[in-house]
Amino acid sequence: MISFLKDSFREIKHVVWPTKDDTRKYFFIVVWVLVTFGLYIFVASTLFTNIIFALKDLIK
């Protein structure tokens, strides 16, 4: 267990952490993708719901 922890800390020293600008850029990319995907799901769900209700009204 001690060996594992020593190896883990040694590996952490080799990690190249992203810069502040990179972090900000990737954050906005992720937010943009999430908003775009959320809007797509909303529009698709709304259209599907309207189609289902329209078909239900035709059957009645």
C-alpha atoms as a PDB file:
ATOM      1  CA  MET A   1       0.000   0.000   0.000  1.00  0.00           C
ATOM      2  CA  ILE A   2       2.822   2.407   0.846  1.00  0.00           C
ATOM      3  CA  SER A   3       4.523   1.560  -2.433  1.00  0.00           C
ATOM      4  CA  PHE A   4       1.317   2.332  -4.326  1.00  0.00           C
ATOM      5  CA  LEU A   5       1.021   5.745  -2.667  1.00  0.00           C
ATOM      6  CA  LYS A   6       4.667   6.596  -3.381  1.00  0.00           C
ATOM      7  CA  ASP A   7       4.229   5.613  -7.020  1.00  0.00           C
ATOM      8  CA  SER A   8       1.031   7.630  -7.270  1.00  0.00           C
ATOM      9  CA  PHE A   9       2.670  10.795  -5.929  1.00  0.00           C
ATOM     10  CA  ARG A  10       5.629  10.279  -8.252  1.00  0.00           C
ATOM     11  CA  GLU A  11       3.262  10.021 -11.225  1.00  0.00           C
ATOM     12  CA  ILE A  12       1.378  13.169 -10.183  1.00  0.00           C
ATOM     13  CA  LYS A  13       4.634  15.113 -10.508  1.00  0.00           C
ATOM     14  CA  HIS A  14       4.783  14.095 -14.194  1.00  0.00           C
ATOM     15  CA  VAL A  15       1.276  15.333 -15.000  1.00  0.00           C
ATOM     16  CA  VAL A  16       1.096  18.339 -17.307  1.00  0.00           C
ATOM     17  CA  TRP A  17      -1.763  20.402 -15.935  1.00  0.00           C
ATOM     18  CA  PRO A  18      -3.765  22.607 -18.329  1.00  0.00           C
ATOM     19  CA  THR A  19      -3.239  26.343 -18.239  1.00  0.00           C
ATOM     20  CA  LYS A  20      -5.903  28.751 -17.057  1.00  0.00           C
ATOM     21  CA  ASP A  21      -6.670  29.734 -20.665  1.00  0.00           C
ATOM     22  CA  ASP A  22      -6.980  26.083 -21.738  1.00  0.00           C
ATOM     23  CA  THR A  23      -9.301  25.349 -18.832  1.00  0.00           C
ATOM     24  CA  ARG A  24     -11.497  28.339 -19.695  1.00  0.00           C
ATOM     25  CA  LYS A  25     -11.574  27.375 -23.387  1.00  0.00           C
ATOM     26  CA  TYR A  26     -12.536  23.747 -22.673  1.00  0.00           C
ATOM     27  CA  PHE A  27     -15.129  24.856 -20.109  1.00  0.00           C
ATOM     28  CA  PHE A  28     -16.915  27.012 -22.688  1.00  0.00           C
ATOM     29  CA  ILE A  29     -16.719  24.238 -25.290  1.00  0.00           C
ATOM     30  CA  VAL A  30     -18.335  21.791 -22.862  1.00  0.00           C
ATOM     31  CA  VAL A  31     -21.051  24.293 -21.904  1.00  0.00           C
ATOM     32  CA  TRP A  32     -21.756  25.022 -25.584  1.00  0.00           C
ATOM     33  CA  VAL A  33     -22.041  21.302 -26.408  1.00  0.00           C
ATOM     34  CA  LEU A  34     -24.335  20.688 -23.411  1.00  0.00           C
ATOM     35  CA  VAL A  35     -26.629  23.609 -24.306  1.00  0.00           C
ATOM     36  CA  THR A  36     -26.731  22.579 -27.979  1.00  0.00           C
ATOM     37  CA  PHE A  37     -27.489  18.952 -27.117  1.00  0.00           C
ATOM     38  CA  GLY A  38     -30.105  20.035 -24.567  1.00  0.00           C
ATOM     39  CA  LEU A  39     -31.864  22.217 -27.144  1.00  0.00           C
ATOM     40  CA  TYR A  40     -31.747  19.378 -29.679  1.00  0.00           C
ATOM     41  CA  ILE A  41     -33.331  16.960 -27.188  1.00  0.00           C
ATOM     42  CA  PHE A  42     -35.986  19.567 -26.267  1.00  0.00           C
ATOM     43  CA  VAL A  43     -36.925  20.230 -29.896  1.00  0.00           C
ATOM     44  CA  ALA A  44     -36.942  16.534 -30.810  1.00  0.00           C
ATOM     45  CA  SER A  45     -39.053  15.660 -27.765  1.00  0.00           C
ATOM     46  CA  THR A  46     -41.509  18.466 -28.448  1.00  0.00           C
ATOM     47  CA  LEU A  47     -41.891  17.463 -32.104  1.00  0.00           C
ATOM     48  CA  PHE A  48     -42.330  13.805 -31.194  1.00  0.00           C
ATOM     49  CA  THR A  49     -44.949  14.682 -28.562  1.00  0.00           C
ATOM     50  CA  ASN A  50     -46.877  16.881 -31.010  1.00  0.00           C
ATOM     51  CA  ILE A  51     -46.805  14.151 -33.655  1.00  0.00           C
ATOM     52  CA  ILE A  52     -48.065  11.556 -31.184  1.00  0.00           C
ATOM     53  CA  PHE A  53     -50.922  13.827 -30.030  1.00  0.00           C
ATOM     54  CA  ALA A  54     -51.814  14.661 -33.655  1.00  0.00           C
ATOM     55  CA  LEU A  55     -51.970  10.936 -34.484  1.00  0.00           C
ATOM     56  CA  LYS A  56     -54.089  10.327 -31.389  1.00  0.00           C
ATOM     57  CA  ASP A  57     -56.541  13.030 -32.494  1.00  0.00           C
ATOM     58  CA  LEU A  58     -56.754  11.483 -35.987  1.00  0.00           C
ATOM     59  CA  ILE A  59     -57.605   8.079 -34.536  1.00  0.00           C
ATOM     60  CA  LYS A  60     -60.421   9.372 -32.315  1.00  0.00           C
END
